[in-house]
Protein backbone atom coordinates (compact mmCIF):
# COMPACT_ATOMS: atom_id res chain seq x y z
CA UNK A 1 96.74 50.86 120.71
CA UNK A 2 97.72 47.28 121.64
CA UNK A 3 101.66 47.76 120.30
CA UNK A 4 101.99 50.80 122.73
CA UNK A 5 101.65 48.18 126.21
CA UNK A 6 98.52 50.02 126.63
CA UNK A 7 95.66 48.24 128.70
CA UNK A 8 92.58 47.45 127.32
CA UNK A 9 90.82 49.81 129.84
CA UNK A 10 93.57 52.35 128.83
CA UNK A 11 92.69 52.00 125.35
CA UNK A 12 89.80 52.74 125.72
CA UNK A 13 89.94 55.68 127.94
CA UNK A 14 92.32 56.84 124.97
CA UNK A 15 89.40 56.60 122.42
CA UNK A 16 86.91 57.90 124.80
CA UNK A 17 88.96 60.96 125.12
CA UNK A 18 89.65 60.69 121.20
CA UNK A 19 86.02 60.83 120.83
CA UNK A 20 85.21 63.67 123.38
CA UNK A 21 87.48 66.13 122.53
CA UNK A 22 88.09 65.33 118.69
CA UNK A 23 91.60 65.65 119.31
CA UNK A 24 92.74 63.39 115.91
CA UNK A 25 96.47 62.76 116.97
CA UNK A 26 96.07 59.15 119.35
CA UNK A 27 99.55 59.93 120.32
CA UNK A 28 98.33 63.00 121.85
CA UNK A 29 95.33 61.60 123.87
CA UNK A 30 97.42 58.94 125.21
CA UNK A 31 100.10 61.63 126.00
CA UNK A 32 97.25 63.75 127.97
CA UNK A 33 95.69 60.99 129.71
CA UNK A 34 99.51 60.04 131.08
CA UNK A 35 99.52 63.14 132.24
CA UNK A 36 96.40 63.33 134.45
CA UNK A 37 97.71 59.22 135.98
CA UNK A 38 94.71 57.90 133.41
CA UNK A 39 92.04 59.62 134.96
CA UNK A 40 89.85 60.60 132.25
CA UNK A 41 87.42 63.39 133.65
CA UNK A 42 90.33 65.49 134.83
CA UNK A 43 91.78 65.01 131.56
CA UNK A 44 88.69 66.21 129.53
CA UNK A 45 88.27 69.12 131.73
CA UNK A 46 91.51 70.18 131.18
CA UNK A 47 90.93 70.48 127.41
CA UNK A 48 87.81 71.92 127.81
CA UNK A 49 89.65 74.70 130.07
CA UNK A 50 92.83 75.30 127.81
CA UNK A 51 89.76 75.30 124.80
CA UNK A 52 87.72 78.06 126.82
CA UNK A 53 91.11 79.95 127.49
CA UNK A 54 90.83 79.26 131.00
CA UNK A 55 93.84 78.63 133.15
CA UNK A 56 94.24 75.04 134.65
CA UNK A 57 93.19 73.94 137.72
CA UNK A 58 95.28 70.79 137.35
CA UNK A 59 98.64 72.25 136.40
CA UNK A 60 101.37 71.60 138.74
CA UNK A 61 103.38 75.62 139.58
CA UNK A 62 106.73 74.52 140.84
CA UNK A 63 107.71 77.59 140.99
CA UNK A 64 107.45 79.10 144.08
CA UNK A 65 106.10 82.94 144.18
CA UNK A 66 108.20 85.84 143.69
CA UNK A 67 108.95 87.99 146.45
CA UNK A 68 109.29 91.22 146.21
CA UNK A 69 111.74 92.58 148.87
CA UNK A 70 111.92 96.89 148.63
CA UNK A 71 112.14 98.47 151.41
CA UNK A 72 110.06 101.45 150.22
CA UNK A 73 107.34 99.70 150.10
CA UNK A 74 107.54 97.51 153.43
CA UNK A 75 104.89 98.49 156.35
CA UNK A 76 105.43 97.11 159.33
CA UNK A 77 102.64 96.91 161.87
CA UNK A 78 102.50 96.86 166.14
CA UNK A 79 100.28 96.66 168.08
CA UNK A 80 102.09 98.44 170.78
CA UNK A 81 101.64 101.66 171.69
CA UNK A 82 102.82 104.57 173.88
CA UNK A 83 102.75 104.79 177.20
CA UNK A 84 100.63 108.16 177.66
CA UNK A 85 97.95 107.50 174.97
CA UNK A 86 94.67 106.73 176.21
CA UNK A 87 92.20 104.23 175.92
CA UNK A 88 89.21 102.30 176.43
CA UNK A 89 86.18 105.26 175.65
CA UNK A 90 88.72 107.70 175.78
CA UNK A 91 90.89 106.60 172.92
CA UNK A 92 87.23 105.67 170.89
CA UNK A 93 86.21 109.10 171.43
CA UNK A 94 89.44 111.06 170.33
CA UNK A 95 89.48 108.27 166.99
CA UNK A 96 85.91 110.00 166.06
CA UNK A 97 86.37 113.00 166.72
CA UNK A 98 89.56 113.30 165.05
C-alpha cells in the first residue's frame, strides 16, 4: 500500500475498512474511502446500506427534481373571496350546514 502514495493513517483506514466490510479488493476499499473523504464511519455505513438495499444517505444527487408542467393538473389557490360572501359566524354556520 505504501506504493500507492497513501499515508500510514490512510493505509490503516483501508485495512480497517476491508476487515469490517469483507471486501477483498483493496483498491475498491481505497476508492470507497477516497469517495467519502477518508471518513471510515461514513464509508462503512454506506456499505452496510448498500448491502441491505437501502438508499444511500451520502450519495450526492446532482440532478434537479423533475418538474411536471401539466395545465390540467394545476391547482390555483387564492385567499380572496367574493365581495358579497358572508364572514365570521354566518360563514361558519353556512359551512357546517352544507
